[in-house]
């Protein structure tokens, strides 16, 4: 009866294996909407007959049933690493696009409240004074438009500075998130190594770890290396962030204000060595570029517009004469030539140097002031040149860079969507497929149960009829 009892063992192994396969399928279905879940598959392995020779017996060659040898995570490692890389690139481009979009909002172009409109109003004010040099209201209006222009430059510079400060804070927040994720990944690696060594299947722990790695890929751009013991090393720019159960930390150093960038750029450093981190991807890479290059560059260009405005207007103002016959004094504060500091110092309308001709002396020895307005016309003719031209160049460059960043982001989104679709095809749960598996495993379980029932009948017949 050894054969019969061995066959019972085969039937029992089939019941156990198919039940486990049903549990795996149920787990897939239950987590079909769980973020980061990787579908699993039950792997069966036949238990063959004995192949070890014996002195007085031999195997009949019939197997001993089936084992559930493994519960595999259906993940394509190549697609996973490619997706992480492309997501890091997308996050970098999206951050760059957002930075340029915010800069555009700072200038308000095109629009009635933009700097270009304020510049045009200012030059038109000089034109009005040139046409009506004796009109006090035209002179007063000119000073008002100058104050509005200076205020517009102050606001734009303040907006860029605030954007820089916000980006600096965002970078610090991202570094904190990266450090927390690295610590958690190291802890999960430790648990996975222990579970793997014990012969268990830590698939859920691996899903949690991979979800954190995906977040890191978007935050700072990482690559991974899978180890034989089940752990995964995480690297930034070729240097280890996580190695097995050990995690390193990052810090932010450098400028704390936009005017400090030229002498002390913002950097990411390894906390243990103080060496710079080669972070060029992800949100962190985009923010570093914004902090050290993009925002300071446009603020510098805006300062150049303000400096040209102060220098050109003050120089031409000094070449003319005001209503008192005196040479024109400074229109803008010559000591404040930045966009943040530009200030109108001329407050008396009579001080506008509209005339290009020096006063003459009449018979009584009194000065006679010319009201020709030619000096004011020279200032009005600055429209479209100097500060105007510099500002237009700034706006054109900004628009071009913003459009380019948007196009690159749109293209990268398509790449990420394609890779995500391929990754989901390999690792995502397909409910139709799982329902098919349910039917297959159910029928196999029923057949094994029927097989066991038939064996029970056979044994009953053999035992009871033999004893009669």
Protein backbone atom coordinates (compact mmCIF):
# COMPACT_ATOMS: atom_id res chain seq x y z
CA UNK A 1 0.00 0.00 0.00
CA UNK A 2 3.05 2.25 -0.10
CA UNK A 3 2.10 3.43 -3.56
CA UNK A 4 -1.41 4.41 -2.46
CA UNK A 5 -0.18 6.37 0.56
CA UNK A 6 2.47 8.09 -1.59
CA UNK A 7 -0.26 9.09 -4.03
CA UNK A 8 -2.21 10.63 -1.18
CA UNK A 9 0.84 12.79 -0.47
CA UNK A 10 0.88 13.91 -4.09
CA UNK A 11 -2.79 14.86 -3.93
CA UNK A 12 -2.23 16.74 -0.67
CA UNK A 13 0.70 18.67 -2.14
CA UNK A 14 -1.51 19.66 -5.07
CA UNK A 15 -4.20 20.97 -2.71
CA UNK A 16 -1.67 22.97 -0.74
CA UNK A 17 0.04 24.40 -3.82
CA UNK A 18 -3.18 25.41 -5.55
CA UNK A 19 -4.53 26.96 -2.35
CA UNK A 20 -1.36 29.04 -2.03
CA UNK A 21 -1.66 30.10 -5.67
CA UNK A 22 -5.23 31.22 -4.98
CA UNK A 23 -3.96 33.29 -2.04
CA UNK A 24 -1.33 34.94 -4.23
CA UNK A 25 -3.99 35.77 -6.82
CA UNK A 26 -6.23 37.19 -4.11
CA UNK A 27 -3.36 39.36 -2.90
CA UNK A 28 -2.91 40.73 -6.41
CA UNK A 29 -6.59 41.52 -6.75
CA UNK A 30 -6.74 43.16 -3.32
CA UNK A 31 -3.82 45.46 -4.24
CA UNK A 32 -4.82 46.27 -7.80
CA UNK A 33 -5.18 49.94 -6.81
CA UNK A 34 -2.31 50.10 -4.33
CA UNK A 35 0.40 52.57 -5.34
CA UNK A 36 3.77 50.89 -5.86
CA UNK A 37 2.42 47.33 -5.65
CA UNK A 38 4.13 44.79 -7.89
CA UNK A 39 2.03 41.82 -8.92
CA UNK A 40 3.17 38.40 -7.81
CA UNK A 41 3.11 34.97 -9.41
CA UNK A 42 3.10 31.54 -7.84
CA UNK A 43 5.85 29.32 -9.27
CA UNK A 44 5.23 25.56 -9.17
CA UNK A 45 7.90 22.88 -9.22
CA UNK A 46 7.29 19.17 -9.71
CA UNK A 47 8.56 16.79 -7.03
CA UNK A 48 10.14 13.91 -8.95
CA UNK A 49 10.56 10.33 -7.94
CA UNK A 50 13.61 9.10 -6.08
CA UNK A 51 16.71 8.67 -8.21
CA UNK A 52 18.93 7.29 -5.43
CA UNK A 53 19.70 3.59 -6.02
CA UNK A 54 18.89 1.07 -3.24
CA UNK A 55 19.96 -2.52 -2.57
CA UNK A 56 16.58 -4.20 -2.52
CA UNK A 57 14.16 -1.64 -3.96
CA UNK A 58 13.86 0.93 -6.67
CA UNK A 59 11.61 3.87 -7.47
CA UNK A 60 8.72 3.30 -9.78
CA UNK A 61 9.52 6.62 -11.45
CA UNK A 62 6.29 8.30 -10.43
CA UNK A 63 6.71 11.77 -8.92
CA UNK A 64 5.74 12.83 -5.43
CA UNK A 65 3.52 15.77 -6.28
CA UNK A 66 4.22 19.49 -6.51
CA UNK A 67 5.82 22.26 -4.48
CA UNK A 68 5.23 26.00 -4.54
CA UNK A 69 8.89 26.84 -5.06
CA UNK A 70 8.66 30.65 -5.15
CA UNK A 71 6.37 33.68 -5.16
CA UNK A 72 7.93 35.95 -7.77
CA UNK A 73 7.59 39.71 -8.11
CA UNK A 74 6.93 40.34 -11.79
CA UNK A 75 9.22 43.33 -12.14
CA UNK A 76 11.44 44.24 -15.07
CA UNK A 77 14.62 45.61 -13.47
CA UNK A 78 15.69 47.38 -16.64
CA UNK A 79 12.33 49.14 -17.03
CA UNK A 80 12.37 50.08 -13.36
CA UNK A 81 15.80 51.71 -13.62
CA UNK A 82 14.90 53.41 -16.90
CA UNK A 83 11.69 54.77 -15.39
CA UNK A 84 13.60 56.17 -12.42
CA UNK A 85 16.08 57.91 -14.73
CA UNK A 86 13.41 59.41 -16.96
CA UNK A 87 11.30 60.53 -14.00
CA UNK A 88 14.33 62.31 -12.59
CA UNK A 89 14.80 64.10 -15.90
CA UNK A 90 11.11 65.05 -16.03
CA UNK A 91 11.19 66.47 -12.49
CA UNK A 92 14.28 68.49 -13.38
CA UNK A 93 12.65 69.93 -16.51
CA UNK A 94 9.37 70.62 -14.70
CA UNK A 95 11.20 72.51 -11.96
CA UNK A 96 13.09 74.55 -14.56
CA UNK A 97 9.87 75.34 -16.39
CA UNK A 98 8.22 76.40 -13.14
CA UNK A 99 11.15 78.66 -12.30
CA UNK A 100 10.99 80.42 -15.68
CA UNK A 101 7.21 80.74 -15.45
CA UNK A 102 7.52 82.43 -12.05
CA UNK A 103 10.15 84.82 -13.44
CA UNK A 104 7.77 85.73 -16.27
CA UNK A 105 5.11 86.53 -13.68
CA UNK A 106 7.58 88.84 -11.93
CA UNK A 107 7.86 91.01 -15.04
CA UNK A 108 4.17 90.90 -15.94
CA UNK A 109 4.80 90.93 -19.68
CA UNK A 110 2.93 91.60 -21.80
CA UNK A 111 0.57 93.82 -19.84
CA UNK A 112 -0.34 97.37 -18.93
CA UNK A 113 1.40 97.00 -15.58
CA UNK A 114 4.59 95.49 -17.00
CA UNK A 115 7.96 97.22 -17.01
CA UNK A 116 7.81 97.77 -20.77
CA UNK A 117 4.61 99.77 -20.38
CA UNK A 118 6.15 101.74 -17.51
CA UNK A 119 9.24 102.52 -19.61
CA UNK A 120 7.06 103.68 -22.50
CA UNK A 121 5.06 105.95 -20.18
CA UNK A 122 8.27 107.43 -18.81
CA UNK A 123 9.71 108.26 -22.24
CA UNK A 124 6.33 109.63 -23.33
CA UNK A 125 6.49 111.90 -20.27
CA UNK A 126 9.73 113.38 -21.56
CA UNK A 127 8.10 113.87 -24.94
CA UNK A 128 5.26 115.81 -23.34
CA UNK A 129 7.76 118.02 -21.52
CA UNK A 130 9.64 118.58 -24.79
CA UNK A 131 6.42 119.75 -26.46
CA UNK A 132 5.33 121.86 -23.46
CA UNK A 133 8.47 122.83 -21.53
CA UNK A 134 6.65 125.60 -19.67
CA UNK A 135 3.79 123.34 -18.53
CA UNK A 136 4.19 122.50 -14.85
CA UNK A 137 1.65 119.67 -15.07
CA UNK A 138 3.71 117.90 -17.77
CA UNK A 139 6.80 118.14 -15.56
CA UNK A 140 4.88 116.87 -12.53
CA UNK A 141 3.46 113.98 -14.55
CA UNK A 142 6.97 113.08 -15.71
CA UNK A 143 8.18 112.76 -12.13
CA UNK A 144 5.14 110.61 -11.33
CA UNK A 145 5.85 108.20 -14.21
CA UNK A 146 9.50 108.03 -13.11
CA UNK A 147 8.43 107.06 -9.61
CA UNK A 148 6.10 104.39 -11.00
CA UNK A 149 8.93 103.03 -13.15
CA UNK A 150 11.35 102.92 -10.21
CA UNK A 151 8.69 101.23 -8.10
CA UNK A 152 8.09 98.66 -10.88
CA UNK A 153 11.79 97.83 -10.97
CA UNK A 154 11.85 97.58 -7.16
CA UNK A 155 8.87 95.21 -7.18
CA UNK A 156 10.30 93.02 -9.95
CA UNK A 157 13.62 92.72 -8.12
CA UNK A 158 11.83 91.96 -4.86
CA UNK A 159 9.77 89.29 -6.58
CA UNK A 160 12.89 87.61 -7.97
CA UNK A 161 14.54 87.76 -4.55
CA UNK A 162 11.45 86.23 -2.92
CA UNK A 163 11.40 83.51 -5.57
CA UNK A 164 15.04 82.74 -4.81
CA UNK A 165 14.31 82.50 -1.07
CA UNK A 166 11.34 80.20 -1.72
CA UNK A 167 13.48 77.97 -3.95
CA UNK A 168 16.16 77.82 -1.26
CA UNK A 169 13.57 76.67 1.28
CA UNK A 170 12.20 74.09 -1.18
CA UNK A 171 15.69 72.68 -1.66
CA UNK A 172 16.12 72.32 2.10
CA UNK A 173 12.76 70.54 2.31
CA UNK A 174 13.72 68.16 -0.49
CA UNK A 175 17.02 67.34 1.22
CA UNK A 176 15.11 66.51 4.40
CA UNK A 177 12.82 64.18 2.45
CA UNK A 178 15.80 62.53 0.76
CA UNK A 179 17.49 61.91 4.11
CA UNK A 180 14.32 60.37 5.56
CA UNK A 181 13.80 58.18 2.51
CA UNK A 182 17.43 56.99 2.59
CA UNK A 183 17.09 56.00 6.26
CA UNK A 184 13.87 54.11 5.57
CA UNK A 185 15.35 52.31 2.56
CA UNK A 186 18.32 51.20 4.66
CA UNK A 187 15.92 49.84 7.31
CA UNK A 188 13.92 48.00 4.67
CA UNK A 189 17.11 46.57 3.19
CA UNK A 190 18.02 45.18 6.60
CA UNK A 191 14.60 43.57 7.00
CA UNK A 192 14.70 42.15 3.47
CA UNK A 193 18.14 40.63 3.99
CA UNK A 194 16.93 38.93 7.18
CA UNK A 195 13.74 37.67 5.54
CA UNK A 196 15.58 36.36 2.48
CA UNK A 197 18.13 34.56 4.65
CA UNK A 198 15.25 32.85 6.48
CA UNK A 199 13.77 31.63 3.21
CA UNK A 200 10.77 33.98 3.26
CA UNK A 201 9.42 36.13 0.44
CA UNK A 202 9.62 39.82 1.52
CA UNK A 203 7.81 41.04 -1.59
CA UNK A 204 5.75 43.65 0.25
CA UNK A 205 8.89 45.09 1.84
CA UNK A 206 10.51 45.28 -1.59
CA UNK A 207 7.47 47.17 -2.90
CA UNK A 208 7.78 49.70 -0.09
CA UNK A 209 11.49 50.12 -0.81
CA UNK A 210 10.98 50.53 -4.55
CA UNK A 211 8.28 53.15 -3.97
CA UNK A 212 10.74 55.16 -1.85
CA UNK A 213 13.39 54.79 -4.57
CA UNK A 214 10.94 56.17 -7.13
CA UNK A 215 10.34 59.15 -4.89
CA UNK A 216 14.10 59.67 -4.61
CA UNK A 217 14.43 59.48 -8.39
CA UNK A 218 11.97 62.35 -8.76
CA UNK A 219 13.48 64.33 -5.89
CA UNK A 220 17.18 64.11 -6.66
CA UNK A 221 17.80 61.57 -9.44
CA UNK A 222 19.26 58.23 -8.39
CA UNK A 223 20.54 54.97 -9.84
CA UNK A 224 20.30 51.58 -8.18
CA UNK A 225 22.28 48.38 -7.84
CA UNK A 226 20.54 45.14 -6.83
CA UNK A 227 22.57 42.83 -4.59
CA UNK A 228 22.43 39.04 -4.32
CA UNK A 229 21.18 39.18 -0.73
CA UNK A 230 18.01 41.03 -1.80
CA UNK A 231 19.15 44.52 -0.79
CA UNK A 232 19.38 47.45 -3.20
CA UNK A 233 22.08 50.12 -3.14
CA UNK A 234 21.06 53.66 -4.09
CA UNK A 235 23.56 56.05 -5.70
CA UNK A 236 23.63 59.76 -6.53
CA UNK A 237 26.09 60.71 -9.22
CA UNK A 238 27.99 57.46 -8.67
CA UNK A 239 28.32 57.91 -4.89
CA UNK A 240 26.40 55.73 -2.44
CA UNK A 241 23.42 57.23 -0.65
CA UNK A 242 22.30 53.82 0.64
CA UNK A 243 24.58 50.80 0.84
CA UNK A 244 22.84 47.77 2.25
CA UNK A 245 21.56 48.73 5.69
CA UNK A 246 23.69 51.90 5.88
CA UNK A 247 22.39 55.33 4.82
CA UNK A 248 24.24 58.61 4.35
CA UNK A 249 22.81 62.09 4.83
CA UNK A 250 22.88 65.28 2.76
CA UNK A 251 23.19 68.92 3.80
CA UNK A 252 22.64 72.25 2.05
CA UNK A 253 25.31 74.94 2.23
CA UNK A 254 26.22 78.19 0.53
CA UNK A 255 24.35 81.44 -0.06
CA UNK A 256 21.28 82.29 1.98
CA UNK A 257 20.38 85.32 -0.15
CA UNK A 258 20.49 85.90 -3.88
CA UNK A 259 23.15 88.60 -3.63
CA UNK A 260 25.56 86.07 -2.06
CA UNK A 261 25.46 83.55 -4.90
CA UNK A 262 28.41 84.94 -6.86
CA UNK A 263 30.76 84.46 -3.91
CA UNK A 264 29.14 81.43 -2.29
CA UNK A 265 27.03 79.23 -4.61
CA UNK A 266 24.40 76.94 -3.09
CA UNK A 267 25.61 73.33 -2.94
CA UNK A 268 24.52 69.93 -1.69
CA UNK A 269 27.14 68.15 0.41
CA UNK A 270 27.60 64.75 2.03
CA UNK A 271 27.16 65.23 5.76
CA UNK A 272 29.93 62.75 6.63
CA UNK A 273 32.64 64.12 4.31
CA UNK A 274 31.45 67.66 3.48
CA UNK A 275 32.21 66.83 -0.17
CA UNK A 276 29.82 68.13 -2.85
CA UNK A 277 27.06 65.87 -4.14
CA UNK A 278 26.84 65.54 -7.91
CA UNK A 279 23.10 66.19 -8.09
CA UNK A 280 22.11 67.25 -11.60
CA UNK A 281 18.74 65.53 -11.93
CA UNK A 282 15.38 65.56 -10.19
CA UNK A 283 13.81 68.51 -8.40
CA UNK A 284 17.04 69.15 -6.51
CA UNK A 285 19.05 69.53 -9.71
CA UNK A 286 16.47 71.95 -11.12
CA UNK A 287 16.44 74.01 -7.93
CA UNK A 288 20.24 74.18 -7.75
CA UNK A 289 20.31 75.49 -11.31
CA UNK A 290 17.59 78.02 -10.47
CA UNK A 291 19.40 79.21 -7.34
CA UNK A 292 22.89 79.47 -8.82
CA UNK A 293 22.17 80.44 -12.40
CA UNK A 294 18.67 81.19 -13.65
CA UNK A 295 17.28 83.58 -11.02
CA UNK A 296 20.59 85.43 -10.36
CA UNK A 297 21.12 85.79 -14.11
CA UNK A 298 17.79 87.52 -14.69
CA UNK A 299 18.22 89.67 -11.62
CA UNK A 300 21.63 90.73 -12.94
CA UNK A 301 20.09 91.63 -16.29
CA UNK A 302 17.38 93.60 -14.54
CA UNK A 303 20.05 95.44 -12.56
CA UNK A 304 21.70 96.23 -15.88
CA UNK A 305 18.47 97.81 -17.12
CA UNK A 306 18.25 99.93 -13.97
CA UNK A 307 21.91 100.95 -14.20
CA UNK A 308 21.55 102.03 -17.83
CA UNK A 309 18.42 103.98 -16.98
CA UNK A 310 20.09 105.83 -14.09
CA UNK A 311 23.30 106.58 -15.99
CA UNK A 312 21.75 107.67 -19.29
CA UNK A 313 19.01 109.83 -17.75
CA UNK A 314 21.29 111.50 -15.20
CA UNK A 315 23.97 112.18 -17.84
CA UNK A 316 21.52 113.79 -20.26
CA UNK A 317 19.76 115.64 -17.44
CA UNK A 318 23.11 117.15 -16.44
CA UNK A 319 23.61 118.35 -20.04
CA UNK A 320 20.46 120.50 -19.89
CA UNK A 321 19.13 123.39 -17.86
CA UNK A 322 16.12 123.65 -15.58
CA UNK A 323 13.60 126.47 -15.17
CA UNK A 324 15.93 128.36 -12.84
CA UNK A 325 18.69 128.35 -15.43
CA UNK A 326 20.82 125.94 -13.42
CA UNK A 327 22.39 122.83 -14.90
CA UNK A 328 20.22 119.77 -14.41
CA UNK A 329 20.78 117.82 -11.23
CA UNK A 330 20.42 114.03 -10.79
CA UNK A 331 17.03 112.64 -11.74
CA UNK A 332 17.69 109.24 -10.14
CA UNK A 333 19.90 108.61 -7.12
CA UNK A 334 23.32 107.97 -8.74
CA UNK A 335 24.38 105.81 -5.79
CA UNK A 336 21.52 103.35 -6.30
CA UNK A 337 21.85 101.68 -9.66
CA UNK A 338 20.29 98.27 -8.94
CA UNK A 339 16.70 97.34 -9.72
CA UNK A 340 16.04 96.86 -6.01
CA UNK A 341 17.51 100.24 -5.06
CA UNK A 342 16.69 102.62 -7.93
CA UNK A 343 15.10 105.78 -6.53
CA UNK A 344 13.85 109.08 -7.98
CA UNK A 345 15.54 112.00 -6.18
CA UNK A 346 14.13 114.81 -8.31
CA UNK A 347 10.97 116.08 -6.62
CA UNK A 348 10.69 119.70 -7.86
CA UNK A 349 9.11 119.96 -11.33
CA UNK A 350 11.17 123.09 -11.98
CA UNK A 351 14.28 120.93 -11.70
CA UNK A 352 13.51 119.02 -14.93
CA UNK A 353 16.27 120.07 -17.35
CA UNK A 354 14.17 120.44 -20.48
CA UNK A 355 16.30 123.05 -22.22
CA UNK A 356 19.58 122.39 -23.99
CA UNK A 357 20.50 126.07 -24.10
CA UNK A 358 22.23 127.93 -21.30
CA UNK A 359 20.35 130.98 -19.97
CA UNK A 360 21.23 134.41 -21.38
CA UNK A 361 21.59 137.66 -19.44
CA UNK A 362 19.21 140.50 -20.25
CA UNK A 363 20.01 144.22 -20.06
CA UNK A 364 19.25 144.26 -16.38
CA UNK A 365 21.66 141.44 -15.67
CA UNK A 366 18.96 138.85 -15.06
CA UNK A 367 19.15 135.34 -16.56
CA UNK A 368 16.71 134.55 -19.34
CA UNK A 369 15.90 130.85 -19.48
CA UNK A 370 15.24 129.22 -22.83
CA UNK A 371 12.12 127.04 -23.02
CA UNK A 372 13.07 125.20 -26.19
CA UNK A 373 12.59 121.66 -24.71
CA UNK A 374 15.33 120.19 -26.91
CA UNK A 375 17.10 118.42 -24.04
CA UNK A 376 13.83 116.81 -23.00
CA UNK A 377 13.41 115.64 -26.58
CA UNK A 378 16.82 113.99 -26.49
CA UNK A 379 15.71 112.09 -23.41
CA UNK A 380 12.43 111.14 -25.10
CA UNK A 381 14.45 109.75 -27.99
CA UNK A 382 16.03 107.20 -25.62
CA UNK A 383 12.85 105.18 -26.12
CA UNK A 384 13.77 101.90 -27.83
CA UNK A 385 17.45 102.22 -27.03
CA UNK A 386 19.65 101.83 -23.96
CA UNK A 387 17.59 100.58 -21.04
CA UNK A 388 14.62 99.85 -23.33
CA UNK A 389 16.72 97.68 -25.63
CA UNK A 390 18.32 95.86 -22.69
CA UNK A 391 14.92 95.12 -21.18
CA UNK A 392 13.50 93.87 -24.49
CA UNK A 393 16.50 91.57 -24.87
CA UNK A 394 15.84 90.23 -21.36
CA UNK A 395 12.17 89.56 -22.11
CA UNK A 396 12.91 87.90 -25.47
CA UNK A 397 15.51 85.63 -23.89
CA UNK A 398 13.13 84.76 -21.05
CA UNK A 399 10.32 83.94 -23.44
CA UNK A 400 12.58 81.79 -25.59
CA UNK A 401 13.96 79.84 -22.62
CA UNK A 402 10.50 79.38 -21.14
CA UNK A 403 9.08 78.08 -24.42
CA UNK A 404 12.03 75.74 -24.88
CA UNK A 405 11.63 74.39 -21.33
CA UNK A 406 7.93 73.82 -21.90
CA UNK A 407 8.56 71.92 -25.14
CA UNK A 408 11.22 69.76 -23.50
CA UNK A 409 8.92 69.04 -20.56
CA UNK A 410 6.07 68.04 -22.87
CA UNK A 411 8.36 65.71 -24.83
CA UNK A 412 9.74 64.17 -21.63
CA UNK A 413 6.22 63.62 -20.32
CA UNK A 414 5.50 61.50 -23.39
CA UNK A 415 8.67 59.47 -22.81
CA UNK A 416 7.76 58.90 -19.16
CA UNK A 417 4.21 57.88 -20.05
CA UNK A 418 5.47 55.28 -22.53
CA UNK A 419 7.93 53.83 -20.03
CA UNK A 420 5.30 53.88 -17.29
CA UNK A 421 2.92 51.98 -19.55
CA UNK A 422 5.61 49.36 -20.22
CA UNK A 423 6.41 49.11 -16.50
CA UNK A 424 2.72 48.75 -15.61
CA UNK A 425 2.37 46.07 -18.25
CA UNK A 426 5.10 44.07 -16.55
CA UNK A 427 4.44 44.85 -12.89
CA UNK A 428 0.88 46.15 -12.70
CA UNK A 429 -2.13 44.02 -11.81
CA UNK A 430 -4.35 43.01 -14.74
CA UNK A 431 -7.71 42.07 -13.25
CA UNK A 432 -8.74 40.08 -16.34
CA UNK A 433 -5.60 37.98 -16.08
CA UNK A 434 -6.10 37.48 -12.35
CA UNK A 435 -9.69 36.33 -12.88
CA UNK A 436 -8.43 33.79 -15.42
CA UNK A 437 -5.86 32.59 -12.89
CA UNK A 438 -8.58 32.26 -10.26
CA UNK A 439 -10.56 29.94 -12.50
CA UNK A 440 -7.46 27.92 -13.40
CA UNK A 441 -6.35 27.44 -9.79
CA UNK A 442 -9.89 26.74 -8.63
CA UNK A 443 -10.35 24.01 -11.20
CA UNK A 444 -6.96 22.54 -10.34
CA UNK A 445 -7.86 22.58 -6.64
CA UNK A 446 -11.21 20.88 -7.35
CA UNK A 447 -9.46 18.25 -9.47
CA UNK A 448 -6.94 17.56 -6.70
CA UNK A 449 -9.79 17.24 -4.21
CA UNK A 450 -11.59 14.85 -6.55
CA UNK A 451 -8.36 12.89 -6.96
CA UNK A 452 -8.06 12.61 -3.19
CA UNK A 453 -11.68 11.48 -2.96
CA UNK A 454 -11.07 8.77 -5.56
CA UNK A 455 -8.00 7.58 -3.64
CA UNK A 456 -10.09 7.41 -0.50
CA UNK A 457 -12.53 5.14 -2.33
CA UNK A 458 -9.74 3.00 -3.69
CA UNK A 459 -8.21 2.54 -0.24
CA UNK A 460 -11.62 1.76 1.25
CA UNK A 461 -12.17 -0.93 -1.35
CA UNK A 462 -8.69 -2.33 -0.93
CA UNK A 463 -8.81 -2.48 2.87
CA UNK A 464 -12.40 -3.50 3.47
CA UNK A 465 -12.72 -6.00 0.62
CA UNK A 466 -9.36 -7.57 1.39
CA UNK A 467 -10.34 -8.19 4.99
CA UNK A 468 -13.70 -9.78 4.09
